[in-house]
PDB file of N, CA and C in Angstrom:
ATOM      1  N   MET A   1      95.113 -52.261 -41.533  1.00  0.00           N
ATOM      2  CA  MET A   1      95.738 -52.183 -40.228  1.00  0.00           C
ATOM      3  C   MET A   1      97.245 -52.310 -40.387  1.00  0.00           C
ATOM      4  N   GLN A   2      97.962 -51.370 -39.844  1.00  0.00           N
ATOM      5  CA  GLN A   2      99.409 -51.415 -39.932  1.00  0.00           C
ATOM      6  C   GLN A   2      99.959 -52.259 -38.800  1.00  0.00           C
ATOM      7  N   PHE A   3     100.990 -53.007 -39.118  1.00  0.00           N
ATOM      8  CA  PHE A   3     101.642 -53.806 -38.092  1.00  0.00           C
ATOM      9  C   PHE A   3     102.689 -52.957 -37.394  1.00  0.00           C
ATOM     10  N   LEU A   4     102.970 -53.299 -36.165  1.00  0.00           N
ATOM     11  CA  LEU A   4     103.966 -52.559 -35.411  1.00  0.00           C
ATOM     12  C   LEU A   4     105.348 -52.964 -35.901  1.00  0.00           C
ATOM     13  N   ARG A   5     106.134 -51.987 -36.232  1.00  0.00           N
ATOM     14  CA  ARG A   5     107.473 -52.260 -36.719  1.00  0.00           C
ATOM     15  C   ARG A   5     108.476 -51.793 -35.675  1.00  0.00           C
ATOM     16  N   PRO A   6     109.427 -52.674 -35.316  1.00  0.00           N
ATOM     17  CA  PRO A   6     110.433 -52.231 -34.358  1.00  0.00           C
ATOM     18  C   PRO A   6     111.371 -51.217 -34.991  1.00  0.00           C
ATOM     19  N   THR A   7     111.719 -50.216 -34.245  1.00  0.00           N
ATOM     20  CA  THR A   7     112.693 -49.240 -34.709  1.00  0.00           C
ATOM     21  C   THR A   7     113.858 -49.257 -33.744  1.00  0.00           C
ATOM     22  N   ARG A   8     115.040 -49.045 -34.251  1.00  0.00           N
ATOM     23  CA  ARG A   8     116.240 -49.103 -33.430  1.00  0.00           C
ATOM     24  C   ARG A   8     116.431 -47.769 -32.713  1.00  0.00           C
ATOM     25  N   THR A   9     116.582 -47.812 -31.406  1.00  0.00           N
ATOM     26  CA  THR A   9     116.881 -46.618 -30.620  1.00  0.00           C
ATOM     27  C   THR A   9     118.243 -46.783 -29.984  1.00  0.00           C
ATOM     28  N   ARG A  10     118.560 -45.956 -29.033  1.00  0.00           N
ATOM     29  CA  ARG A  10     119.877 -45.991 -28.422  1.00  0.00           C
ATOM     30  C   ARG A  10     120.193 -47.324 -27.764  1.00  0.00           C
ATOM     31  N   SER A  11     119.294 -47.839 -26.922  1.00  0.00           N
ATOM     32  CA  SER A  11     119.648 -49.007 -26.130  1.00  0.00           C
ATOM     33  C   SER A  11     118.929 -50.280 -26.552  1.00  0.00           C
ATOM     34  N   SER A  12     117.729 -50.166 -27.103  1.00  0.00           N
ATOM     35  CA  SER A  12     116.994 -51.378 -27.444  1.00  0.00           C
ATOM     36  C   SER A  12     115.944 -51.065 -28.494  1.00  0.00           C
ATOM     37  N   TYR A  13     115.183 -52.073 -28.835  1.00  0.00           N
ATOM     38  CA  TYR A  13     114.105 -51.886 -29.793  1.00  0.00           C
ATOM     39  C   TYR A  13     112.873 -51.378 -29.057  1.00  0.00           C
ATOM     40  N   THR A  14     112.201 -50.404 -29.630  1.00  0.00           N
ATOM     41  CA  THR A  14     110.930 -49.949 -29.097  1.00  0.00           C
ATOM     42  C   THR A  14     109.929 -49.943 -30.235  1.00  0.00           C
ATOM     43  N   TYR A  15     108.679 -49.913 -29.915  1.00  0.00           N
ATOM     44  CA  TYR A  15     107.651 -49.967 -30.939  1.00  0.00           C
ATOM     45  C   TYR A  15     107.004 -48.602 -31.084  1.00  0.00           C
ATOM     46  N   GLU A  16     107.030 -48.091 -32.307  1.00  0.00           N
ATOM     47  CA  GLU A  16     106.336 -46.838 -32.561  1.00  0.00           C
ATOM     48  C   GLU A  16     104.842 -47.135 -32.618  1.00  0.00           C
ATOM     49  N   ARG A  17     104.029 -46.178 -32.399  1.00  0.00           N
ATOM     50  CA  ARG A  17     102.574 -46.298 -32.328  1.00  0.00           C
ATOM     51  C   ARG A  17     102.127 -47.111 -31.113  1.00  0.00           C
ATOM     52  N   PHE A  18     103.010 -47.353 -30.165  1.00  0.00           N
ATOM     53  CA  PHE A  18     102.636 -48.145 -28.998  1.00  0.00           C
ATOM     54  C   PHE A  18     103.276 -47.524 -27.759  1.00  0.00           C
ATOM     55  N   PRO A  19     102.788 -46.368 -27.345  1.00  0.00           N
ATOM     56  CA  PRO A  19     103.409 -45.727 -26.176  1.00  0.00           C
ATOM     57  C   PRO A  19     103.131 -46.525 -24.912  1.00  0.00           C
ATOM     58  N   ALA A  20     104.149 -46.723 -24.121  1.00  0.00           N
ATOM     59  CA  ALA A  20     104.016 -47.533 -22.911  1.00  0.00           C
ATOM     60  C   ALA A  20     103.111 -46.871 -21.878  1.00  0.00           C
ATOM     61  N   LYS A  21     102.982 -45.568 -21.937  1.00  0.00           N
ATOM     62  CA  LYS A  21     102.175 -44.874 -20.936  1.00  0.00           C
ATOM     63  C   LYS A  21     100.684 -45.138 -21.095  1.00  0.00           C
ATOM     64  N   SER A  22     100.269 -45.605 -22.254  1.00  0.00           N
ATOM     65  CA  SER A  22      98.839 -45.803 -22.477  1.00  0.00           C
ATOM     66  C   SER A  22      98.447 -47.283 -22.515  1.00  0.00           C
ATOM     67  N   MET A  23      99.257 -48.152 -21.928  1.00  0.00           N
ATOM     68  CA  MET A  23      98.946 -49.579 -21.941  1.00  0.00           C
ATOM     69  C   MET A  23      97.774 -49.870 -21.003  1.00  0.00           C
ATOM     70  N   ILE A  24      96.862 -50.705 -21.485  1.00  0.00           N
ATOM     71  CA  ILE A  24      95.745 -51.156 -20.671  1.00  0.00           C
ATOM     72  C   ILE A  24      95.914 -52.652 -20.448  1.00  0.00           C
ATOM     73  N   LEU A  25      94.982 -53.268 -19.747  1.00  0.00           N
ATOM     74  CA  LEU A  25      95.107 -54.678 -19.399  1.00  0.00           C
ATOM     75  C   LEU A  25      95.254 -55.542 -20.648  1.00  0.00           C
ATOM     76  N   ARG A  26      94.489 -55.242 -21.685  1.00  0.00           N
ATOM     77  CA  ARG A  26      94.579 -56.001 -22.930  1.00  0.00           C
ATOM     78  C   ARG A  26      95.994 -55.934 -23.502  1.00  0.00           C
ATOM     79  N   ASP A  27      96.630 -54.779 -23.395  1.00  0.00           N
ATOM     80  CA  ASP A  27      97.992 -54.628 -23.910  1.00  0.00           C
ATOM     81  C   ASP A  27      98.986 -55.437 -23.077  1.00  0.00           C
ATOM     82  N   HIS A  28      98.766 -55.491 -21.777  1.00  0.00           N
ATOM     83  CA  HIS A  28      99.644 -56.292 -20.923  1.00  0.00           C
ATOM     84  C   HIS A  28      99.503 -57.779 -21.248  1.00  0.00           C
ATOM     85  N   LEU A  29      98.288 -58.218 -21.529  1.00  0.00           N
ATOM     86  CA  LEU A  29      98.082 -59.613 -21.908  1.00  0.00           C
ATOM     87  C   LEU A  29      98.747 -59.910 -23.251  1.00  0.00           C
ATOM     88  N   ALA A  30      98.672 -58.979 -24.173  1.00  0.00           N
ATOM     89  CA  ALA A  30      99.349 -59.148 -25.462  1.00  0.00           C
ATOM     90  C   ALA A  30     100.861 -59.204 -25.267  1.00  0.00           C
ATOM     91  N   LEU A  31     101.367 -58.424 -24.338  1.00  0.00           N
ATOM     92  CA  LEU A  31     102.789 -58.446 -24.024  1.00  0.00           C
ATOM     93  C   LEU A  31     103.188 -59.807 -23.461  1.00  0.00           C
ATOM     94  N   ASP A  32     102.332 -60.383 -22.617  1.00  0.00           N
ATOM     95  CA  ASP A  32     102.607 -61.722 -22.091  1.00  0.00           C
ATOM     96  C   ASP A  32     102.604 -62.762 -23.203  1.00  0.00           C
ATOM     97  N   ARG A  33     101.658 -62.663 -24.135  1.00  0.00           N
ATOM     98  CA  ARG A  33     101.624 -63.602 -25.262  1.00  0.00           C
ATOM     99  C   ARG A  33     102.868 -63.457 -26.133  1.00  0.00           C
ATOM    100  N   THR A  34     103.321 -62.229 -26.323  1.00  0.00           N
ATOM    101  CA  THR A  34     104.513 -61.998 -27.124  1.00  0.00           C
ATOM    102  C   THR A  34     105.746 -62.562 -26.428  1.00  0.00           C
ATOM    103  N   THR A  35     105.798 -62.449 -25.110  1.00  0.00           N
ATOM    104  CA  THR A  35     106.910 -63.030 -24.358  1.00  0.00           C
ATOM    105  C   THR A  35     106.940 -64.543 -24.522  1.00  0.00           C
ATOM    106  N   LEU A  36     105.779 -65.183 -24.424  1.00  0.00           N
ATOM    107  CA  LEU A  36     105.715 -66.631 -24.604  1.00  0.00           C
ATOM    108  C   LEU A  36     106.084 -67.025 -26.038  1.00  0.00           C
ATOM    109  N   ALA A  37     105.663 -66.242 -27.012  1.00  0.00           N
ATOM    110  CA  ALA A  37     106.023 -66.528 -28.404  1.00  0.00           C
ATOM    111  C   ALA A  37     107.528 -66.385 -28.612  1.00  0.00           C
ATOM    112  N   ASN A  38     108.128 -65.424 -27.951  1.00  0.00           N
ATOM    113  CA  ASN A  38     109.574 -65.241 -28.037  1.00  0.00           C
ATOM    114  C   ASN A  38     110.297 -66.462 -27.477  1.00  0.00           C
ATOM    115  N   GLU A  39     109.797 -67.005 -26.375  1.00  0.00           N
ATOM    116  CA  GLU A  39     110.401 -68.201 -25.788  1.00  0.00           C
ATOM    117  C   GLU A  39     110.229 -69.407 -26.709  1.00  0.00           C
ATOM    118  N   ARG A  40     109.060 -69.548 -27.323  1.00  0.00           N
ATOM    119  CA  ARG A  40     108.844 -70.657 -28.268  1.00  0.00           C
ATOM    120  C   ARG A  40     109.774 -70.533 -29.465  1.00  0.00           C
ATOM    121  N   THR A  41     110.006 -69.310 -29.911  1.00  0.00           N
ATOM    122  CA  THR A  41     110.868 -69.094 -31.065  1.00  0.00           C
ATOM    123  C   THR A  41     112.304 -69.479 -30.758  1.00  0.00           C
ATOM    124  N   VAL A  42     112.811 -69.111 -29.600  1.00  0.00           N
ATOM    125  CA  VAL A  42     114.190 -69.478 -29.268  1.00  0.00           C
ATOM    126  C   VAL A  42     114.312 -70.990 -29.102  1.00  0.00           C
ATOM    127  N   LEU A  43     113.273 -71.638 -28.609  1.00  0.00           N
ATOM    128  CA  LEU A  43     113.314 -73.095 -28.516  1.00  0.00           C
ATOM    129  C   LEU A  43     113.325 -73.740 -29.899  1.00  0.00           C
ATOM    130  N   ALA A  44     112.639 -73.146 -30.858  1.00  0.00           N
ATOM    131  CA  ALA A  44     112.667 -73.660 -32.229  1.00  0.00           C
ATOM    132  C   ALA A  44     114.060 -73.495 -32.840  1.00  0.00           C
ATOM    133  N   TYR A  45     114.702 -72.361 -32.569  1.00  0.00           N
ATOM    134  CA  TYR A  45     116.072 -72.172 -33.048  1.00  0.00           C
ATOM    135  C   TYR A  45     116.994 -73.228 -32.448  1.00  0.00           C
ATOM    136  N   ILE A  46     116.864 -73.470 -31.159  1.00  0.00           N
ATOM    137  CA  ILE A  46     117.716 -74.459 -30.498  1.00  0.00           C
ATOM    138  C   ILE A  46     117.431 -75.860 -31.025  1.00  0.00           C
ATOM    139  N   ARG A  47     116.165 -76.167 -31.250  1.00  0.00           N
ATOM    140  CA  ARG A  47     115.804 -77.478 -31.804  1.00  0.00           C
ATOM    141  C   ARG A  47     116.412 -77.656 -33.193  1.00  0.00           C
ATOM    142  N   THR A  48     116.381 -76.622 -34.009  1.00  0.00           N
ATOM    143  CA  THR A  48     116.979 -76.680 -35.338  1.00  0.00           C
ATOM    144  C   THR A  48     118.493 -76.843 -35.244  1.00  0.00           C
ATOM    145  N   ALA A  49     119.122 -76.128 -34.323  1.00  0.00           N
ATOM    146  CA  ALA A  49     120.571 -76.244 -34.143  1.00  0.00           C
ATOM    147  C   ALA A  49     120.956 -77.652 -33.709  1.00  0.00           C
ATOM    148  N   ILE A  50     120.171 -78.244 -32.821  1.00  0.00           N
ATOM    149  CA  ILE A  50     120.457 -79.611 -32.376  1.00  0.00           C
ATOM    150  C   ILE A  50     120.318 -80.588 -33.543  1.00  0.00           C
ATOM    151  N   ALA A  51     119.289 -80.413 -34.360  1.00  0.00           N
ATOM    152  CA  ALA A  51     119.095 -81.294 -35.518  1.00  0.00           C
ATOM    153  C   ALA A  51     120.260 -81.168 -36.506  1.00  0.00           C
ATOM    154  N   LEU A  52     120.721 -79.952 -36.766  1.00  0.00           N
ATOM    155  CA  LEU A  52     121.862 -79.761 -37.653  1.00  0.00           C
ATOM    156  C   LEU A  52     123.126 -80.388 -37.070  1.00  0.00           C
ATOM    157  N   PHE A  53     123.315 -80.228 -35.776  1.00  0.00           N
ATOM    158  CA  PHE A  53     124.503 -80.784 -35.116  1.00  0.00           C
ATOM    159  C   PHE A  53     124.502 -82.305 -35.183  1.00  0.00           C
ATOM    160  N   VAL A  54     123.372 -82.923 -34.879  1.00  0.00           N
ATOM    161  CA  VAL A  54     123.273 -84.385 -34.904  1.00  0.00           C
ATOM    162  C   VAL A  54     123.468 -84.911 -36.323  1.00  0.00           C
ATOM    163  N   THR A  55     122.887 -84.227 -37.293  1.00  0.00           N
ATOM    164  CA  THR A  55     123.065 -84.649 -38.683  1.00  0.00           C
ATOM    165  C   THR A  55     124.533 -84.546 -39.099  1.00  0.00           C
ATOM    166  N   GLY A  56     125.162 -83.452 -38.752  1.00  0.00           N
ATOM    167  CA  GLY A  56     126.579 -83.279 -39.084  1.00  0.00           C
ATOM    168  C   GLY A  56     127.468 -84.314 -38.424  1.00  0.00           C
ATOM    169  N   MET A  57     127.241 -84.569 -37.154  1.00  0.00           N
ATOM    170  CA  MET A  57     128.043 -85.566 -36.447  1.00  0.00           C
ATOM    171  C   MET A  57     127.781 -86.971 -36.987  1.00  0.00           C
ATOM    172  N   SER A  58     126.551 -87.239 -37.374  1.00  0.00           N
ATOM    173  CA  SER A  58     126.229 -88.545 -37.951  1.00  0.00           C
ATOM    174  C   SER A  58     126.951 -88.745 -39.279  1.00  0.00           C
ATOM    175  N   LEU A  59     126.977 -87.713 -40.105  1.00  0.00           N
ATOM    176  CA  LEU A  59     127.700 -87.825 -41.369  1.00  0.00           C
ATOM    177  C   LEU A  59     129.183 -88.061 -41.141  1.00  0.00           C
ATOM    178  N   VAL A  60     129.765 -87.355 -40.195  1.00  0.00           N
ATOM    179  CA  VAL A  60     131.187 -87.526 -39.900  1.00  0.00           C
ATOM    180  C   VAL A  60     131.447 -88.929 -39.356  1.00  0.00           C
ATOM    181  N   HIS A  61     130.573 -89.433 -38.524  1.00  0.00           N
ATOM    182  CA  HIS A  61     130.790 -90.734 -37.881  1.00  0.00           C
ATOM    183  C   HIS A  61     130.582 -91.896 -38.857  1.00  0.00           C
ATOM    184  N   PHE A  62     129.506 -91.866 -39.618  1.00  0.00           N
ATOM    185  CA  PHE A  62     129.167 -93.027 -40.440  1.00  0.00           C
ATOM    186  C   PHE A  62     129.864 -93.049 -41.803  1.00  0.00           C
ATOM    187  N   PHE A  63     130.337 -91.922 -42.281  1.00  0.00           N
ATOM    188  CA  PHE A  63     131.017 -91.882 -43.577  1.00  0.00           C
ATOM    189  C   PHE A  63     132.464 -91.442 -43.376  1.00  0.00           C
ATOM    190  N   GLN A  64     133.189 -92.182 -42.578  1.00  0.00           N
ATOM    191  CA  GLN A  64     134.551 -91.782 -42.233  1.00  0.00           C
ATOM    192  C   GLN A  64     135.516 -91.837 -43.404  1.00  0.00           C
ATOM    193  N   GLY A  65     135.288 -92.686 -44.363  1.00  0.00           N
ATOM    194  CA  GLY A  65     136.215 -92.815 -45.473  1.00  0.00           C
ATOM    195  C   GLY A  65     135.945 -91.862 -46.618  1.00  0.00           C
ATOM    196  N   GLN A  66     134.813 -91.199 -46.626  1.00  0.00           N
ATOM    197  CA  GLN A  66     134.447 -90.349 -47.758  1.00  0.00           C
ATOM    198  C   GLN A  66     134.554 -88.875 -47.364  1.00  0.00           C
ATOM    199  N   LEU A  67     135.484 -88.219 -48.011  1.00  0.00           N
ATOM    200  CA  LEU A  67     135.826 -86.842 -47.642  1.00  0.00           C
ATOM    201  C   LEU A  67     134.670 -85.862 -47.847  1.00  0.00           C
ATOM    202  N   ALA A  68     133.869 -86.047 -48.890  1.00  0.00           N
ATOM    203  CA  ALA A  68     132.768 -85.116 -49.167  1.00  0.00           C
ATOM    204  C   ALA A  68     131.754 -85.112 -48.024  1.00  0.00           C
ATOM    205  N   TYR A  69     131.403 -86.281 -47.528  1.00  0.00           N
ATOM    206  CA  TYR A  69     130.446 -86.360 -46.423  1.00  0.00           C
ATOM    207  C   TYR A  69     131.016 -85.795 -45.129  1.00  0.00           C
ATOM    208  N   ILE A  70     132.297 -85.971 -44.940  1.00  0.00           N
ATOM    209  CA  ILE A  70     132.934 -85.415 -43.739  1.00  0.00           C
ATOM    210  C   ILE A  70     132.873 -83.889 -43.780  1.00  0.00           C
ATOM    211  N   TRP A  71     133.158 -83.299 -44.940  1.00  0.00           N
ATOM    212  CA  TRP A  71     133.096 -81.837 -45.053  1.00  0.00           C
ATOM    213  C   TRP A  71     131.673 -81.316 -44.897  1.00  0.00           C
ATOM    214  N   ILE A  72     130.710 -82.023 -45.455  1.00  0.00           N
ATOM    215  CA  ILE A  72     129.307 -81.621 -45.271  1.00  0.00           C
ATOM    216  C   ILE A  72     128.939 -81.692 -43.793  1.00  0.00           C
ATOM    217  N   GLY A  73     129.400 -82.735 -43.113  1.00  0.00           N
ATOM    218  CA  GLY A  73     129.139 -82.867 -41.673  1.00  0.00           C
ATOM    219  C   GLY A  73     129.756 -81.742 -40.868  1.00  0.00           C
ATOM    220  N   ILE A  74     130.977 -81.366 -41.233  1.00  0.00           N
ATOM    221  CA  ILE A  74     131.647 -80.263 -40.526  1.00  0.00           C
ATOM    222  C   ILE A  74     130.914 -78.947 -40.765  1.00  0.00           C
ATOM    223  N   VAL A  75     130.479 -78.727 -42.003  1.00  0.00           N
ATOM    224  CA  VAL A  75     129.734 -77.495 -42.323  1.00  0.00           C
ATOM    225  C   VAL A  75     128.409 -77.467 -41.554  1.00  0.00           C
ATOM    226  N   LEU A  76     127.705 -78.594 -41.505  1.00  0.00           N
ATOM    227  CA  LEU A  76     126.440 -78.637 -40.757  1.00  0.00           C
ATOM    228  C   LEU A  76     126.660 -78.409 -39.264  1.00  0.00           C
ATOM    229  N   THR A  77     127.747 -78.944 -38.743  1.00  0.00           N
ATOM    230  CA  THR A  77     128.043 -78.740 -37.322  1.00  0.00           C
ATOM    231  C   THR A  77     128.330 -77.266 -37.030  1.00  0.00           C
ATOM    232  N   ALA A  78     129.102 -76.625 -37.898  1.00  0.00           N
ATOM    233  CA  ALA A  78     129.377 -75.191 -37.720  1.00  0.00           C
ATOM    234  C   ALA A  78     128.109 -74.361 -37.912  1.00  0.00           C
ATOM    235  N   LEU A  79     127.292 -74.755 -38.871  1.00  0.00           N
ATOM    236  CA  LEU A  79     126.036 -74.052 -39.105  1.00  0.00           C
ATOM    237  C   LEU A  79     125.106 -74.155 -37.900  1.00  0.00           C
ATOM    238  N   SER A  80     125.161 -75.276 -37.204  1.00  0.00           N
ATOM    239  CA  SER A  80     124.312 -75.434 -36.018  1.00  0.00           C
ATOM    240  C   SER A  80     124.688 -74.420 -34.933  1.00  0.00           C
ATOM    241  N   ALA A  81     125.974 -74.173 -34.790  1.00  0.00           N
ATOM    242  CA  ALA A  81     126.410 -73.168 -33.806  1.00  0.00           C
ATOM    243  C   ALA A  81     125.928 -71.773 -34.213  1.00  0.00           C
ATOM    244  N   LEU A  82     125.978 -71.464 -35.496  1.00  0.00           N
ATOM    245  CA  LEU A  82     125.513 -70.159 -35.966  1.00  0.00           C
ATOM    246  C   LEU A  82     124.008 -69.983 -35.767  1.00  0.00           C
ATOM    247  N   VAL A  83     123.246 -71.044 -36.026  1.00  0.00           N
ATOM    248  CA  VAL A  83     121.791 -70.971 -35.843  1.00  0.00           C
ATOM    249  C   VAL A  83     121.454 -70.763 -34.369  1.00  0.00           C
ATOM    250  N   ALA A  84     122.137 -71.492 -33.493  1.00  0.00           N
ATOM    251  CA  ALA A  84     121.890 -71.323 -32.057  1.00  0.00           C
ATOM    252  C   ALA A  84     122.256 -69.915 -31.601  1.00  0.00           C
ATOM    253  N   LEU A  85     123.373 -69.399 -32.082  1.00  0.00           N
ATOM    254  CA  LEU A  85     123.792 -68.045 -31.711  1.00  0.00           C
ATOM    255  C   LEU A  85     122.813 -66.997 -32.223  1.00  0.00           C
ATOM    256  N   LEU A  86     122.365 -67.138 -33.461  1.00  0.00           N
ATOM    257  CA  LEU A  86     121.387 -66.209 -34.021  1.00  0.00           C
ATOM    258  C   LEU A  86     120.090 -66.233 -33.214  1.00  0.00           C
ATOM    259  N   GLY A  87     119.620 -67.411 -32.865  1.00  0.00           N
ATOM    260  CA  GLY A  87     118.399 -67.528 -32.073  1.00  0.00           C
ATOM    261  C   GLY A  87     118.527 -66.867 -30.712  1.00  0.00           C
ATOM    262  N   LEU A  88     119.662 -67.073 -30.060  1.00  0.00           N
ATOM    263  CA  LEU A  88     119.868 -66.467 -28.744  1.00  0.00           C
ATOM    264  C   LEU A  88     119.971 -64.945 -28.826  1.00  0.00           C
ATOM    265  N   ILE A  89     120.641 -64.450 -29.857  1.00  0.00           N
ATOM    266  CA  ILE A  89     120.742 -62.989 -30.024  1.00  0.00           C
ATOM    267  C   ILE A  89     119.362 -62.380 -30.235  1.00  0.00           C
ATOM    268  N   ARG A  90     118.575 -62.988 -31.122  1.00  0.00           N
ATOM    269  CA  ARG A  90     117.222 -62.461 -31.379  1.00  0.00           C
ATOM    270  C   ARG A  90     116.360 -62.543 -30.131  1.00  0.00           C
ATOM    271  N   PHE A  91     116.503 -63.621 -29.353  1.00  0.00           N
ATOM    272  CA  PHE A  91     115.734 -63.777 -28.126  1.00  0.00           C
ATOM    273  C   PHE A  91     116.052 -62.660 -27.136  1.00  0.00           C
ATOM    274  N   PHE A  92     117.338 -62.400 -26.914  1.00  0.00           N
ATOM    275  CA  PHE A  92     117.701 -61.391 -25.925  1.00  0.00           C
ATOM    276  C   PHE A  92     117.354 -59.973 -26.389  1.00  0.00           C
ATOM    277  N   LEU A  93     117.446 -59.706 -27.687  1.00  0.00           N
ATOM    278  CA  LEU A  93     117.034 -58.390 -28.183  1.00  0.00           C
ATOM    279  C   LEU A  93     115.534 -58.161 -27.984  1.00  0.00           C
ATOM    280  N   MET A  94     114.738 -59.171 -28.309  1.00  0.00           N
ATOM    281  CA  MET A  94     113.290 -59.032 -28.146  1.00  0.00           C
ATOM    282  C   MET A  94     112.916 -58.958 -26.668  1.00  0.00           C
ATOM    283  N   ARG A  95     113.584 -59.750 -25.838  1.00  0.00           N
ATOM    284  CA  ARG A  95     113.286 -59.707 -24.411  1.00  0.00           C
ATOM    285  C   ARG A  95     113.604 -58.335 -23.820  1.00  0.00           C
ATOM    286  N   ALA A  96     114.693 -57.744 -24.256  1.00  0.00           N
ATOM    287  CA  ALA A  96     115.039 -56.398 -23.777  1.00  0.00           C
ATOM    288  C   ALA A  96     113.991 -55.383 -24.213  1.00  0.00           C
ATOM    289  N   ALA A  97     113.499 -55.509 -25.439  1.00  0.00           N
ATOM    290  CA  ALA A  97     112.466 -54.587 -25.914  1.00  0.00           C
ATOM    291  C   ALA A  97     111.181 -54.746 -25.124  1.00  0.00           C
ATOM    292  N   LEU A  98     110.809 -55.982 -24.843  1.00  0.00           N
ATOM    293  CA  LEU A  98     109.581 -56.217 -24.072  1.00  0.00           C
ATOM    294  C   LEU A  98     109.723 -55.737 -22.631  1.00  0.00           C
ATOM    295  N   GLN A  99     110.887 -55.936 -22.041  1.00  0.00           N
ATOM    296  CA  GLN A  99     111.096 -55.456 -20.675  1.00  0.00           C
ATOM    297  C   GLN A  99     111.093 -53.944 -20.611  1.00  0.00           C
ATOM    298  N   THR A 100     111.584 -53.292 -21.655  1.00  0.00           N
ATOM    299  CA  THR A 100     111.543 -51.829 -21.706  1.00  0.00           C
ATOM    300  C   THR A 100     110.106 -51.344 -21.688  1.00  0.00           C
ATOM    301  N   LEU A 101     109.250 -51.982 -22.485  1.00  0.00           N
ATOM    302  CA  LEU A 101     107.837 -51.597 -22.497  1.00  0.00           C
ATOM    303  C   LEU A 101     107.193 -51.832 -21.142  1.00  0.00           C
ATOM    304  N   LEU A 102     107.510 -52.949 -20.520  1.00  0.00           N
ATOM    305  CA  LEU A 102     106.904 -53.282 -19.246  1.00  0.00           C
ATOM    306  C   LEU A 102     107.397 -52.374 -18.128  1.00  0.00           C
ATOM    307  N   MET A 103     108.694 -52.075 -18.115  1.00  0.00           N
ATOM    308  CA  MET A 103     109.238 -51.244 -17.043  1.00  0.00           C
ATOM    309  C   MET A 103     108.781 -49.799 -17.154  1.00  0.00           C
ATOM    310  N   ASP A 104     108.554 -49.325 -18.379  1.00  0.00           N
ATOM    311  CA  ASP A 104     108.084 -47.961 -18.564  1.00  0.00           C
ATOM    312  C   ASP A 104     106.683 -47.773 -17.999  1.00  0.00           C
ATOM    313  N   ASN A 105     105.942 -48.851 -17.835  1.00  0.00           N
ATOM    314  CA  ASN A 105     104.548 -48.743 -17.434  1.00  0.00           C
ATOM    315  C   ASN A 105     104.281 -49.323 -16.046  1.00  0.00           C
ATOM    316  N   ASP A 106     105.267 -49.872 -15.372  1.00  0.00           N
ATOM    317  CA  ASP A 106     105.029 -50.539 -14.091  1.00  0.00           C
ATOM    318  C   ASP A 106     104.500 -49.612 -13.005  1.00  0.00           C
ATOM    319  N   ASP A 107     104.961 -48.405 -12.974  1.00  0.00           N
ATOM    320  CA  ASP A 107     104.546 -47.516 -11.896  1.00  0.00           C
ATOM    321  C   ASP A 107     103.337 -46.660 -12.264  1.00  0.00           C
ATOM    322  N   LYS A 108     102.756 -46.907 -13.398  1.00  0.00           N
ATOM    323  CA  LYS A 108     101.600 -46.116 -13.826  1.00  0.00           C
ATOM    324  C   LYS A 108     100.312 -46.687 -13.236  1.00  0.00           C
ATOM    325  N   GLU A 109      99.247 -45.922 -13.349  1.00  0.00           N
ATOM    326  CA  GLU A 109      97.959 -46.355 -12.824  1.00  0.00           C
ATOM    327  C   GLU A 109      97.352 -47.488 -13.639  1.00  0.00           C
ATOM    328  N   THR A 110      97.856 -47.706 -14.848  1.00  0.00           N
ATOM    329  CA  THR A 110      97.278 -48.732 -15.718  1.00  0.00           C
ATOM    330  C   THR A 110      98.022 -50.060 -15.650  1.00  0.00           C
ATOM    331  N   SER A 111      98.932 -50.223 -14.702  1.00  0.00           N
ATOM    332  CA  SER A 111      99.616 -51.508 -14.605  1.00  0.00           C
ATOM    333  C   SER A 111      98.609 -52.575 -14.185  1.00  0.00           C
ATOM    334  N   PRO A 112      98.801 -53.820 -14.600  1.00  0.00           N
ATOM    335  CA  PRO A 112      97.799 -54.854 -14.342  1.00  0.00           C
ATOM    336  C   PRO A 112      97.518 -55.065 -12.862  1.00  0.00           C
ATOM    337  N   GLN A 113      98.514 -54.892 -12.021  1.00  0.00           N
ATOM    338  CA  GLN A 113      98.308 -55.090 -10.587  1.00  0.00           C
ATOM    339  C   GLN A 113      97.337 -54.053 -10.022  1.00  0.00           C
ATOM    340  N   LYS A 114      97.335 -52.868 -10.570  1.00  0.00           N
ATOM    341  CA  LYS A 114      96.441 -51.823 -10.082  1.00  0.00           C
ATOM    342  C   LYS A 114      95.067 -51.901 -10.709  1.00  0.00           C
ATOM    343  N   MET A 115      94.910 -52.702 -11.775  1.00  0.00           N
ATOM    344  CA  MET A 115      93.629 -52.807 -12.438  1.00  0.00           C
ATOM    345  C   MET A 115      92.754 -53.926 -11.861  1.00  0.00           C
ATOM    346  N   ILE A 116      93.379 -54.853 -11.161  1.00  0.00           N
ATOM    347  CA  ILE A 116      92.627 -55.981 -10.610  1.00  0.00           C
ATOM    348  C   ILE A 116      91.862 -55.483  -9.376  1.00  0.00           C
ATOM    349  N   PRO A 117      90.566 -55.702  -9.361  1.00  0.00           N
ATOM    350  CA  PRO A 117      89.805 -55.255  -8.195  1.00  0.00           C
ATOM    351  C   PRO A 117      90.167 -56.080  -6.950  1.00  0.00           C
ATOM    352  N   THR A 118      90.324 -55.403  -5.866  1.00  0.00           N
ATOM    353  CA  THR A 118      90.628 -56.088  -4.605  1.00  0.00           C
ATOM    354  C   THR A 118      89.494 -55.855  -3.621  1.00  0.00           C
ATOM    355  N   LYS A 119      89.323 -56.809  -2.733  1.00  0.00           N
ATOM    356  CA  LYS A 119      88.302 -56.668  -1.690  1.00  0.00           C
ATOM    357  C   LYS A 119      88.938 -56.040  -0.473  1.00  0.00           C
ATOM    358  N   GLU A 120      88.529 -54.853  -0.191  1.00  0.00           N
ATOM    359  CA  GLU A 120      89.087 -54.150   0.970  1.00  0.00           C
ATOM    360  C   GLU A 120      88.006 -53.812   1.962  1.00  0.00           C
TER     361      GLU A 120
END
């Protein structure tokens, strides 16, 4: 089984072998799971950035007389900003790709709202 690989297009990432016009309810549920996984991933990036920041600030605060620890603390603090930025960039790129898939299929007959049986 081949995994879906994102390919770069003009405006966002889209998935080859996964045309939005043929999405069924199972695909919409998978899209929801992927959205939740994307949110968990950005929270993990932020948690890692906070841990790096706290460690860096702790080194700077508690080892004020030792230059090596101060520099390590400064590097960890700067690294925390980079990790947070990387996580946010990846989050917004993936969210844009998922919204593209969802918007391409919203007005089709296979959208989840049209698949749910209603009592009329």
